[in-house]
Amino acid sequence: MNSVDDDMQAVLCVGRLYCDLIFTGIDRLPVLGREVFADNLTIAAGGGAFISAAHLRDLGRSTAIVSRLGNDTLSKAVEQEIVVRDIETGFIERAHDAGPQITVASVIGSERAFLTRRAGKAEPATLDAALAWPGAAHLHIAEYATLAEIPDLVARAKHAGLTVSLDPSWDDDLIRDTALIEKCKGVDIFLPNLEEAREITGETQAEAMREHLARYFPIVALKAGASGALVATDQARLAMPAEDVRVVDTTGAGDAFNAGFIDGWMRGAAIEDCLVAAIRSGSRAVQVTGGAVPR
C-alpha cells in the first residue's frame, strides 16, 4: 500500500471501471442496416473513478481507486493503465463477474453517444478498508448509480471522517429518480452537468438549476460544457467561461473538471480558484482521446 504525503491528503475514487472503445472522426451515428466508418479508434481505461483519479494524481494528490475488476484480458489492461499512473490499486477487488464495463463511445464534434454493458455489482469487498486508509480525507463518488447500489455510502464515509463529492453521471434508469437528492444527503460537493441538472431539478435555465441544487448541497459546481461552469456556495455565486482550446474528444472532461475542483477545494483555495483549476483540468482532457492525459 502506497504511503500518503502528510500535506496532500488522499482522495478515494469509488465507481465502476470501464474499458472505452472510442470512435472519432465520424460525421454521423450508425443506423440499423447501415455501416459508418470512423477515422480513428482508441481503446482506453475509462469511467469517472479512473479519469478523476488520473487527473488528481497528475495534480500531485495521492489517490486510490475503490472498485472491482475481473481477471480477463481487458481488466488486466485497465489495471495496467491505473498502475502506470501511480494510483493506489490496493482497494480494487478482483472477481470473475466484475468486468470491466465496456463502453462504445461515438464522438461527433463536441457530442458523444455511448453504448455500455454493465458488469457485476458496484460495492467492492475492499470498501471498509479503503474508508479506513490512513491519510484518506475525501471520497469522490463517480456516479449516482454507485450510491444507488450502496445507499449508506455517504454515511459510512462521514463516519470515517471523510468529506464527500458526487457526480451524478447520466443513467437513463436513475437520473429521474425523484429521491435522488434525498439519497445524496450529506454530500459536500455536488457536480452535475447541465443535462443531468435539468432532469434532477426540472428547471430549464442554468442559473435556476444552480439555485435549486444550492438549497440541498453546501457546494454546487454545475458544468456547462463549452459555456463554462457555474458555482454556488453559502457565500458566493460564480460563473466562468470555458477555455478556448481545440476539442478532440469530450469524453471524461467532466470527470477531469471534478478532479481540478476537488483538489483546489482540499488545498483550501478560494472558490473562484477552485473553478479556475476545474476548467483548466477539463480543458486538458478535451484535447486528448479518452479524457485522461497520456503518460
C-alpha atoms as a PDB file:
ATOM      1  CA  MET A   1       0.000   0.000   0.000  1.00  0.00           C
ATOM      2  CA  ASN A   2       1.460   3.378  -1.005  1.00  0.00           C
ATOM      3  CA  SER A   3       2.139   5.976   1.685  1.00  0.00           C
ATOM      4  CA  VAL A   4       0.270   9.282   1.722  1.00  0.00           C
ATOM      5  CA  ASP A   5       2.053  12.634   1.907  1.00  0.00           C
ATOM      6  CA  ASP A   6       1.082  14.421   5.110  1.00  0.00           C
ATOM      7  CA  ASP A   7       0.382  17.678   3.263  1.00  0.00           C
ATOM      8  CA  MET A   8      -1.531  16.057   0.394  1.00  0.00           C
ATOM      9  CA  GLN A   9      -4.339  14.049   1.937  1.00  0.00           C
ATOM     10  CA  ALA A  10      -5.634  11.325  -0.320  1.00  0.00           C
ATOM     11  CA  VAL A  11      -8.827  11.030  -2.324  1.00  0.00           C
ATOM     12  CA  LEU A  12     -10.680   7.747  -2.679  1.00  0.00           C
ATOM     13  CA  CYS A  13     -12.458   7.474  -6.046  1.00  0.00           C
ATOM     14  CA  VAL A  14     -15.264   4.939  -5.994  1.00  0.00           C
ATOM     15  CA  GLY A  15     -17.174   3.696  -9.045  1.00  0.00           C
ATOM     16  CA  ARG A  16     -17.140   1.083 -11.751  1.00  0.00           C
ATOM     17  CA  LEU A  17     -14.136   0.836 -14.049  1.00  0.00           C
ATOM     18  CA  TYR A  18     -14.649   0.918 -17.804  1.00  0.00           C
ATOM     19  CA  CYS A  19     -12.843  -0.118 -20.929  1.00  0.00           C
ATOM     20  CA  ASP A  20     -13.750   2.549 -23.500  1.00  0.00           C
ATOM     21  CA  LEU A  21     -13.744   1.884 -27.238  1.00  0.00           C
ATOM     22  CA  ILE A  22     -13.747   5.431 -28.576  1.00  0.00           C
ATOM     23  CA  PHE A  23     -14.530   6.072 -32.253  1.00  0.00           C
ATOM     24  CA  THR A  24     -13.591   9.522 -33.543  1.00  0.00           C
ATOM     25  CA  GLY A  25     -13.568  11.080 -36.991  1.00  0.00           C
ATOM     26  CA  ILE A  26     -17.201  10.295 -37.810  1.00  0.00           C
ATOM     27  CA  ASP A  27     -19.877  12.673 -39.054  1.00  0.00           C
ATOM     28  CA  ARG A  28     -22.981  10.652 -38.195  1.00  0.00           C
ATOM     29  CA  LEU A  29     -24.117   7.807 -35.968  1.00  0.00           C
ATOM     30  CA  PRO A  30     -24.859   4.368 -37.424  1.00  0.00           C
ATOM     31  CA  VAL A  31     -28.466   3.388 -38.113  1.00  0.00           C
ATOM     32  CA  LEU A  32     -29.960  -0.063 -38.447  1.00  0.00           C
ATOM     33  CA  GLY A  33     -28.820  -1.838 -41.583  1.00  0.00           C
ATOM     34  CA  ARG A  34     -26.063   0.664 -42.429  1.00  0.00           C
ATOM     35  CA  GLU A  35     -22.386   0.928 -41.617  1.00  0.00           C
ATOM     36  CA  VAL A  36     -20.416   4.035 -40.650  1.00  0.00           C
ATOM     37  CA  PHE A  37     -16.619   4.158 -40.788  1.00  0.00           C
ATOM     38  CA  ALA A  38     -14.533   6.069 -38.249  1.00  0.00           C
ATOM     39  CA  ASP A  39     -11.142   7.615 -38.917  1.00  0.00           C
ATOM     40  CA  ASN A  40      -9.762   6.576 -35.539  1.00  0.00           C
ATOM     41  CA  LEU A  41     -10.302   4.103 -32.696  1.00  0.00           C
ATOM     42  CA  THR A  42      -8.793   4.439 -29.224  1.00  0.00           C
ATOM     43  CA  ILE A  43      -9.056   1.773 -26.524  1.00  0.00           C
ATOM     44  CA  ALA A  44      -8.592   3.257 -23.066  1.00  0.00           C
ATOM     45  CA  ALA A  45      -9.400   2.804 -19.421  1.00  0.00           C
ATOM     46  CA  GLY A  46     -12.414   4.896 -18.548  1.00  0.00           C
ATOM     47  CA  GLY A  47     -15.144   5.696 -16.079  1.00  0.00           C
ATOM     48  CA  GLY A  48     -15.386   8.623 -13.721  1.00  0.00           C
ATOM     49  CA  ALA A  49     -13.470   6.933 -10.910  1.00  0.00           C
ATOM     50  CA  PHE A  50     -10.428   6.307 -13.107  1.00  0.00           C
ATOM     51  CA  ILE A  51     -10.416   9.605 -15.005  1.00  0.00           C
ATOM     52  CA  SER A  52     -10.876  11.728 -11.877  1.00  0.00           C
ATOM     53  CA  ALA A  53      -8.186   9.706 -10.086  1.00  0.00           C
ATOM     54  CA  ALA A  54      -5.796  10.116 -13.021  1.00  0.00           C
ATOM     55  CA  HIS A  55      -6.196  13.895 -13.062  1.00  0.00           C
ATOM     56  CA  LEU A  56      -5.934  14.127  -9.281  1.00  0.00           C
ATOM     57  CA  ARG A  57      -2.690  12.176  -9.435  1.00  0.00           C
ATOM     58  CA  ASP A  58      -1.390  14.454 -12.193  1.00  0.00           C
ATOM     59  CA  LEU A  59      -2.052  17.335  -9.803  1.00  0.00           C
ATOM     60  CA  GLY A  60       0.177  15.636  -7.260  1.00  0.00           C
ATOM     61  CA  ARG A  61      -2.509  14.305  -4.946  1.00  0.00           C
ATOM     62  CA  SER A  62      -2.384  10.781  -3.504  1.00  0.00           C
ATOM     63  CA  THR A  63      -5.320   8.855  -4.921  1.00  0.00           C
ATOM     64  CA  ALA A  64      -6.823   5.381  -4.695  1.00  0.00           C
ATOM     65  CA  ILE A  65      -9.466   3.670  -6.787  1.00  0.00           C
ATOM     66  CA  VAL A  66     -12.098   1.704  -4.894  1.00  0.00           C
ATOM     67  CA  SER A  67     -13.715  -0.647  -7.379  1.00  0.00           C
ATOM     68  CA  ARG A  68     -13.907  -4.154  -8.825  1.00  0.00           C
ATOM     69  CA  LEU A  69     -12.162  -5.729 -11.813  1.00  0.00           C
ATOM     70  CA  GLY A  70     -12.231  -9.148 -13.413  1.00  0.00           C
ATOM     71  CA  ASN A  71      -9.396 -11.481 -14.352  1.00  0.00           C
ATOM     72  CA  ASP A  72      -9.887 -11.165 -18.108  1.00  0.00           C
ATOM     73  CA  THR A  73      -7.568  -9.544 -20.636  1.00  0.00           C
ATOM     74  CA  LEU A  74      -9.432  -6.227 -20.728  1.00  0.00           C
ATOM     75  CA  SER A  75      -9.448  -5.985 -16.928  1.00  0.00           C
ATOM     76  CA  LYS A  76      -5.696  -6.556 -16.843  1.00  0.00           C
ATOM     77  CA  ALA A  77      -5.184  -3.856 -19.489  1.00  0.00           C
ATOM     78  CA  VAL A  78      -7.297  -1.386 -17.486  1.00  0.00           C
ATOM     79  CA  GLU A  79      -5.391  -2.162 -14.308  1.00  0.00           C
ATOM     80  CA  GLN A  80      -2.088  -1.592 -16.071  1.00  0.00           C
ATOM     81  CA  GLU A  81      -3.234   1.904 -17.075  1.00  0.00           C
ATOM     82  CA  ILE A  82      -4.004   2.580 -13.413  1.00  0.00           C
ATOM     83  CA  VAL A  83      -0.650   1.232 -12.224  1.00  0.00           C
ATOM     84  CA  VAL A  84       1.460   3.326 -14.613  1.00  0.00           C
ATOM     85  CA  ARG A  85      -0.214   6.470 -13.250  1.00  0.00           C
ATOM     86  CA  ASP A  86       0.879   5.663  -9.695  1.00  0.00           C
ATOM     87  CA  ILE A  87      -2.722   5.399  -8.492  1.00  0.00           C
ATOM     88  CA  GLU A  88      -3.202   3.112  -5.495  1.00  0.00           C
ATOM     89  CA  THR A  89      -4.720  -0.217  -6.603  1.00  0.00           C
ATOM     90  CA  GLY A  90      -4.847  -1.998  -3.257  1.00  0.00           C
ATOM     91  CA  PHE A  91      -8.604  -1.391  -2.923  1.00  0.00           C
ATOM     92  CA  ILE A  92      -9.546  -2.965  -6.260  1.00  0.00           C
ATOM     93  CA  GLU A  93     -11.353  -6.257  -5.686  1.00  0.00           C
ATOM     94  CA  ARG A  94     -10.736  -8.956  -8.273  1.00  0.00           C
ATOM     95  CA  ALA A  95     -13.787 -11.058  -9.135  1.00  0.00           C
ATOM     96  CA  HIS A  96     -14.859 -13.085 -12.168  1.00  0.00           C
ATOM     97  CA  ASP A  97     -18.132 -11.161 -12.574  1.00  0.00           C
ATOM     98  CA  ALA A  98     -16.603  -7.696 -12.284  1.00  0.00           C
ATOM     99  CA  GLY A  99     -15.850  -6.664 -15.818  1.00  0.00           C
ATOM    100  CA  PRO A 100     -14.663  -4.012 -16.700  1.00  0.00           C
ATOM    101  CA  GLN A 101     -17.762  -2.361 -18.076  1.00  0.00           C
ATOM    102  CA  ILE A 102     -17.272  -1.988 -21.799  1.00  0.00           C
ATOM    103  CA  THR A 103     -18.423   1.223 -23.450  1.00  0.00           C
ATOM    104  CA  VAL A 104     -18.522   2.056 -27.137  1.00  0.00           C
ATOM    105  CA  ALA A 105     -18.276   5.838 -27.469  1.00  0.00           C
ATOM    106  CA  SER A 106     -19.043   7.571 -30.761  1.00  0.00           C
ATOM    107  CA  VAL A 107     -17.716  11.126 -30.882  1.00  0.00           C
ATOM    108  CA  ILE A 108     -19.085  13.723 -33.316  1.00  0.00           C
ATOM    109  CA  GLY A 109     -17.648  17.163 -32.696  1.00  0.00           C
ATOM    110  CA  SER A 110     -18.390  18.024 -29.052  1.00  0.00           C
ATOM    111  CA  GLU A 111     -21.201  15.464 -28.775  1.00  0.00           C
ATOM    112  CA  ARG A 112     -20.973  11.835 -27.746  1.00  0.00           C
ATOM    113  CA  ALA A 113     -23.167   8.737 -27.762  1.00  0.00           C
ATOM    114  CA  PHE A 114     -22.494   5.720 -25.551  1.00  0.00           C
ATOM    115  CA  LEU A 115     -23.413   2.035 -25.528  1.00  0.00           C
ATOM    116  CA  THR A 116     -22.398   0.255 -22.316  1.00  0.00           C
ATOM    117  CA  ARG A 117     -22.552  -3.234 -20.853  1.00  0.00           C
ATOM    118  CA  ARG A 118     -22.977  -3.310 -17.081  1.00  0.00           C
ATOM    119  CA  ALA A 119     -20.688  -5.632 -15.148  1.00  0.00           C
ATOM    120  CA  GLY A 120     -21.363  -7.123 -11.722  1.00  0.00           C
ATOM    121  CA  LYS A 121     -22.235  -5.317  -8.524  1.00  0.00           C
ATOM    122  CA  ALA A 122     -20.827  -1.921  -7.571  1.00  0.00           C
ATOM    123  CA  GLU A 123     -19.669  -2.477  -3.980  1.00  0.00           C
ATOM    124  CA  PRO A 124     -16.164  -3.925  -3.627  1.00  0.00           C
ATOM    125  CA  ALA A 125     -15.282  -6.112  -0.651  1.00  0.00           C
ATOM    126  CA  THR A 126     -12.445  -3.642  -0.007  1.00  0.00           C
ATOM    127  CA  LEU A 127     -14.702  -0.655   0.753  1.00  0.00           C
ATOM    128  CA  ASP A 128     -14.373  -0.623   4.532  1.00  0.00           C
ATOM    129  CA  ALA A 129     -10.591  -0.990   4.328  1.00  0.00           C
ATOM    130  CA  ALA A 130     -10.463   1.905   1.871  1.00  0.00           C
ATOM    131  CA  LEU A 131     -12.515   4.179   4.128  1.00  0.00           C
ATOM    132  CA  ALA A 132     -10.104   3.388   6.960  1.00  0.00           C
ATOM    133  CA  TRP A 133      -6.977   4.082   4.848  1.00  0.00           C
ATOM    134  CA  PRO A 134      -4.662   6.351   6.893  1.00  0.00           C
ATOM    135  CA  GLY A 135      -4.297   9.715   5.168  1.00  0.00           C
ATOM    136  CA  ALA A 136      -7.513   9.481   3.158  1.00  0.00           C
ATOM    137  CA  ALA A 137      -9.551  12.642   3.627  1.00  0.00           C
ATOM    138  CA  HIS A 138     -12.113  12.682   0.831  1.00  0.00           C
ATOM    139  CA  LEU A 139     -14.384  10.253  -1.021  1.00  0.00           C
ATOM    140  CA  HIS A 140     -15.398  11.029  -4.594  1.00  0.00           C
ATOM    141  CA  ILE A 141     -18.403   9.042  -5.834  1.00  0.00           C
ATOM    142  CA  ALA A 142     -18.089   8.974  -9.601  1.00  0.00           C
ATOM    143  CA  GLU A 143     -21.706   8.128 -10.428  1.00  0.00           C
ATOM    144  CA  TYR A 144     -25.061   8.135  -8.682  1.00  0.00           C
ATOM    145  CA  ALA A 145     -25.511   4.513  -9.804  1.00  0.00           C
ATOM    146  CA  THR A 146     -22.850   3.537  -7.272  1.00  0.00           C
ATOM    147  CA  LEU A 147     -24.667   5.349  -4.453  1.00  0.00           C
ATOM    148  CA  ALA A 148     -27.969   3.772  -5.530  1.00  0.00           C
ATOM    149  CA  GLU A 149     -26.380   0.337  -5.029  1.00  0.00           C
ATOM    150  CA  ILE A 150     -24.590   1.338  -1.809  1.00  0.00           C
ATOM    151  CA  PRO A 151     -27.196   3.629  -0.185  1.00  0.00           C
ATOM    152  CA  ASP A 152     -25.269   4.040   3.077  1.00  0.00           C
ATOM    153  CA  LEU A 153     -22.024   5.002   1.318  1.00  0.00           C
ATOM    154  CA  VAL A 154     -22.134   8.695   2.241  1.00  0.00           C
ATOM    155  CA  ALA A 155     -22.960   7.901   5.868  1.00  0.00           C
ATOM    156  CA  ARG A 156     -20.103   5.395   6.061  1.00  0.00           C
ATOM    157  CA  ALA A 157     -17.667   7.923   4.611  1.00  0.00           C
ATOM    158  CA  LYS A 158     -18.801  10.604   7.039  1.00  0.00           C
ATOM    159  CA  HIS A 159     -18.446   8.170   9.942  1.00  0.00           C
ATOM    160  CA  ALA A 160     -14.851   7.612   8.808  1.00  0.00           C
ATOM    161  CA  GLY A 161     -14.270  11.385   8.902  1.00  0.00           C
ATOM    162  CA  LEU A 162     -14.161  11.934   5.132  1.00  0.00           C
ATOM    163  CA  THR A 163     -15.693  14.723   3.107  1.00  0.00           C
ATOM    164  CA  VAL A 164     -17.693  13.603   0.060  1.00  0.00           C
ATOM    165  CA  SER A 165     -18.284  14.719  -3.515  1.00  0.00           C
ATOM    166  CA  LEU A 166     -20.602  13.183  -6.089  1.00  0.00           C
ATOM    167  CA  ASP A 167     -21.030  13.424  -9.851  1.00  0.00           C
ATOM    168  CA  PRO A 168     -24.489  12.061 -10.680  1.00  0.00           C
ATOM    169  CA  SER A 169     -23.383  10.973 -14.182  1.00  0.00           C
ATOM    170  CA  TRP A 170     -26.076  10.192 -16.728  1.00  0.00           C
ATOM    171  CA  ASP A 171     -28.009   6.948 -16.259  1.00  0.00           C
ATOM    172  CA  ASP A 172     -31.349   6.614 -18.032  1.00  0.00           C
ATOM    173  CA  ASP A 173     -32.696   4.343 -15.307  1.00  0.00           C
ATOM    174  CA  LEU A 174     -31.673   6.554 -12.386  1.00  0.00           C
ATOM    175  CA  ILE A 175     -31.302  10.217 -13.345  1.00  0.00           C
ATOM    176  CA  ARG A 176     -35.053  10.807 -12.951  1.00  0.00           C
ATOM    177  CA  ASP A 177     -35.193   9.154  -9.523  1.00  0.00           C
ATOM    178  CA  THR A 178     -37.406  11.532  -7.521  1.00  0.00           C
ATOM    179  CA  ALA A 179     -35.480  10.588  -4.372  1.00  0.00           C
ATOM    180  CA  LEU A 180     -32.050  11.312  -5.872  1.00  0.00           C
ATOM    181  CA  ILE A 181     -31.410  14.495  -3.911  1.00  0.00           C
ATOM    182  CA  GLU A 182     -32.572  12.933  -0.640  1.00  0.00           C
ATOM    183  CA  LYS A 183     -30.332   9.894  -1.212  1.00  0.00           C
ATOM    184  CA  CYS A 184     -27.383  12.263  -1.764  1.00  0.00           C
ATOM    185  CA  LYS A 185     -27.881  13.866   1.648  1.00  0.00           C
ATOM    186  CA  GLY A 186     -24.532  14.588   3.279  1.00  0.00           C
ATOM    187  CA  VAL A 187     -22.643  15.182   0.026  1.00  0.00           C
ATOM    188  CA  ASP A 188     -20.407  18.257   0.354  1.00  0.00           C
ATOM    189  CA  ILE A 189     -19.779  18.959  -3.349  1.00  0.00           C
ATOM    190  CA  PHE A 190     -22.395  18.133  -5.996  1.00  0.00           C
ATOM    191  CA  LEU A 191     -21.006  18.084  -9.544  1.00  0.00           C
ATOM    192  CA  PRO A 192     -23.669  17.620 -12.262  1.00  0.00           C
ATOM    193  CA  ASN A 193     -23.624  18.762 -15.866  1.00  0.00           C
ATOM    194  CA  LEU A 194     -26.444  20.778 -17.386  1.00  0.00           C
ATOM    195  CA  GLU A 195     -28.323  17.807 -18.816  1.00  0.00           C
ATOM    196  CA  GLU A 196     -28.227  15.945 -15.509  1.00  0.00           C
ATOM    197  CA  ALA A 197     -29.193  19.035 -13.508  1.00  0.00           C
ATOM    198  CA  ARG A 198     -32.119  19.678 -15.839  1.00  0.00           C
ATOM    199  CA  GLU A 199     -33.549  16.221 -15.184  1.00  0.00           C
ATOM    200  CA  ILE A 200     -32.871  16.362 -11.435  1.00  0.00           C
ATOM    201  CA  THR A 201     -34.368  19.813 -10.840  1.00  0.00           C
ATOM    202  CA  GLY A 202     -36.954  20.190 -13.600  1.00  0.00           C
ATOM    203  CA  GLU A 203     -35.536  23.660 -14.299  1.00  0.00           C
ATOM    204  CA  THR A 204     -34.607  24.847 -17.791  1.00  0.00           C
ATOM    205  CA  GLN A 205     -32.171  27.695 -17.099  1.00  0.00           C
ATOM    206  CA  ALA A 206     -28.675  27.086 -15.744  1.00  0.00           C
ATOM    207  CA  GLU A 207     -28.976  29.715 -13.005  1.00  0.00           C
ATOM    208  CA  ALA A 208     -32.278  28.241 -11.847  1.00  0.00           C
ATOM    209  CA  MET A 209     -30.755  24.740 -11.756  1.00  0.00           C
ATOM    210  CA  ARG A 210     -27.880  26.040  -9.662  1.00  0.00           C
ATOM    211  CA  GLU A 211     -30.192  27.807  -7.214  1.00  0.00           C
ATOM    212  CA  HIS A 212     -32.427  24.763  -6.899  1.00  0.00           C
ATOM    213  CA  LEU A 213     -29.492  22.490  -6.055  1.00  0.00           C
ATOM    214  CA  ALA A 214     -27.912  25.060  -3.735  1.00  0.00           C
ATOM    215  CA  ARG A 215     -30.823  24.516  -1.366  1.00  0.00           C
ATOM    216  CA  TYR A 216     -29.568  20.998  -0.707  1.00  0.00           C
ATOM    217  CA  PHE A 217     -25.769  20.987  -1.103  1.00  0.00           C
ATOM    218  CA  PRO A 218     -23.101  23.213   0.502  1.00  0.00           C
ATOM    219  CA  ILE A 219     -21.267  23.482  -2.839  1.00  0.00           C
ATOM    220  CA  VAL A 220     -22.732  23.017  -6.328  1.00  0.00           C
ATOM    221  CA  ALA A 221     -20.431  23.091  -9.360  1.00  0.00           C
ATOM    222  CA  LEU A 222     -22.559  22.966 -12.492  1.00  0.00           C
ATOM    223  CA  LYS A 223     -20.694  22.015 -15.665  1.00  0.00           C
ATOM    224  CA  ALA A 224     -21.949  23.758 -18.799  1.00  0.00           C
ATOM    225  CA  GLY A 225     -19.590  22.337 -21.421  1.00  0.00           C
ATOM    226  CA  ALA A 226     -18.432  24.889 -23.979  1.00  0.00           C
ATOM    227  CA  SER A 227     -20.199  27.594 -21.943  1.00  0.00           C
ATOM    228  CA  GLY A 228     -18.005  27.009 -18.904  1.00  0.00           C
ATOM    229  CA  ALA A 229     -19.355  26.380 -15.409  1.00  0.00           C
ATOM    230  CA  LEU A 230     -21.387  27.877 -12.570  1.00  0.00           C
ATOM    231  CA  VAL A 231     -20.804  27.522  -8.834  1.00  0.00           C
ATOM    232  CA  ALA A 232     -22.915  28.113  -5.768  1.00  0.00           C
ATOM    233  CA  THR A 233     -21.773  28.139  -2.148  1.00  0.00           C
ATOM    234  CA  ASP A 234     -23.307  29.551   1.019  1.00  0.00           C
ATOM    235  CA  GLN A 235     -21.448  32.803   0.368  1.00  0.00           C
ATOM    236  CA  ALA A 236     -20.905  33.057  -3.389  1.00  0.00           C
ATOM    237  CA  ARG A 237     -22.429  32.702  -6.839  1.00  0.00           C
ATOM    238  CA  LEU A 238     -19.920  32.496  -9.702  1.00  0.00           C
ATOM    239  CA  ALA A 239     -19.917  31.777 -13.423  1.00  0.00           C
ATOM    240  CA  MET A 240     -16.835  31.329 -15.594  1.00  0.00           C
ATOM    241  CA  PRO A 241     -16.391  30.725 -19.332  1.00  0.00           C
ATOM    242  CA  ALA A 242     -14.635  27.705 -20.794  1.00  0.00           C
ATOM    243  CA  GLU A 243     -11.120  27.974 -22.198  1.00  0.00           C
ATOM    244  CA  ASP A 244     -10.771  28.309 -25.969  1.00  0.00           C
ATOM    245  CA  VAL A 245      -8.974  25.083 -26.913  1.00  0.00           C
ATOM    246  CA  ARG A 246      -9.018  22.579 -29.770  1.00  0.00           C
ATOM    247  CA  VAL A 247     -11.517  19.845 -28.883  1.00  0.00           C
ATOM    248  CA  VAL A 248     -10.539  16.276 -29.811  1.00  0.00           C
ATOM    249  CA  ASP A 249     -12.855  14.260 -27.538  1.00  0.00           C
ATOM    250  CA  THR A 250     -15.078  15.457 -24.685  1.00  0.00           C
ATOM    251  CA  THR A 251     -15.239  12.007 -23.061  1.00  0.00           C
ATOM    252  CA  GLY A 252     -14.190  12.361 -19.436  1.00  0.00           C
ATOM    253  CA  ALA A 253     -13.983  16.163 -19.470  1.00  0.00           C
ATOM    254  CA  GLY A 254     -16.482  16.436 -16.633  1.00  0.00           C
ATOM    255  CA  ASP A 255     -14.508  13.925 -14.548  1.00  0.00           C
ATOM    256  CA  ALA A 256     -11.326  15.932 -15.148  1.00  0.00           C
ATOM    257  CA  PHE A 257     -13.203  19.088 -14.097  1.00  0.00           C
ATOM    258  CA  ASN A 258     -14.213  17.291 -10.898  1.00  0.00           C
ATOM    259  CA  ALA A 259     -10.587  16.473 -10.120  1.00  0.00           C
ATOM    260  CA  GLY A 260      -9.438  20.064 -10.540  1.00  0.00           C
ATOM    261  CA  PHE A 261     -12.241  21.389  -8.369  1.00  0.00           C
ATOM    262  CA  ILE A 262     -11.793  18.804  -5.608  1.00  0.00           C
ATOM    263  CA  ASP A 263      -8.022  19.294  -5.462  1.00  0.00           C
ATOM    264  CA  GLY A 264      -8.366  23.075  -5.224  1.00  0.00           C
ATOM    265  CA  TRP A 265     -11.023  22.790  -2.536  1.00  0.00           C
ATOM    266  CA  MET A 266      -8.911  20.379  -0.486  1.00  0.00           C
ATOM    267  CA  ARG A 267      -5.989  22.799  -0.725  1.00  0.00           C
ATOM    268  CA  GLY A 268      -8.196  25.467   0.835  1.00  0.00           C
ATOM    269  CA  ALA A 269      -8.227  27.617  -2.302  1.00  0.00           C
ATOM    270  CA  ALA A 270     -10.809  30.353  -2.810  1.00  0.00           C
ATOM    271  CA  ILE A 271     -13.879  29.070  -4.615  1.00  0.00           C
ATOM    272  CA  GLU A 272     -13.008  31.148  -7.701  1.00  0.00           C
ATOM    273  CA  ASP A 273      -9.597  29.496  -7.836  1.00  0.00           C
ATOM    274  CA  CYS A 274     -11.225  26.078  -7.488  1.00  0.00           C
ATOM    275  CA  LEU A 275     -13.327  26.884 -10.531  1.00  0.00           C
ATOM    276  CA  VAL A 276     -10.297  28.067 -12.496  1.00  0.00           C
ATOM    277  CA  ALA A 277      -8.477  24.812 -11.667  1.00  0.00           C
ATOM    278  CA  ALA A 278     -11.528  22.739 -12.627  1.00  0.00           C
ATOM    279  CA  ILE A 279     -11.922  24.408 -16.010  1.00  0.00           C
ATOM    280  CA  ARG A 280      -8.191  24.065 -16.655  1.00  0.00           C
ATOM    281  CA  SER A 281      -8.366  20.309 -15.966  1.00  0.00           C
ATOM    282  CA  GLY A 282     -11.437  19.909 -18.167  1.00  0.00           C
ATOM    283  CA  SER A 283      -9.697  21.810 -20.968  1.00  0.00           C
ATOM    284  CA  ARG A 284      -6.699  19.482 -20.805  1.00  0.00           C
ATOM    285  CA  ALA A 285      -8.996  16.480 -21.055  1.00  0.00           C
ATOM    286  CA  VAL A 286     -10.834  17.539 -24.216  1.00  0.00           C
ATOM    287  CA  GLN A 287      -7.559  17.867 -26.106  1.00  0.00           C
ATOM    288  CA  VAL A 288      -6.883  14.108 -25.969  1.00  0.00           C
ATOM    289  CA  THR A 289      -8.895  10.977 -26.689  1.00  0.00           C
ATOM    290  CA  GLY A 290     -10.218   9.239 -23.591  1.00  0.00           C
ATOM    291  CA  GLY A 291     -10.149  12.042 -21.034  1.00  0.00           C
ATOM    292  CA  ALA A 292      -7.057  11.031 -19.049  1.00  0.00           C
ATOM    293  CA  VAL A 293      -3.977  12.939 -20.180  1.00  0.00           C
ATOM    294  CA  PRO A 294      -1.481  10.395 -21.658  1.00  0.00           C
ATOM    295  CA  ARG A 295       1.549   9.348 -19.656  1.00  0.00           C
END
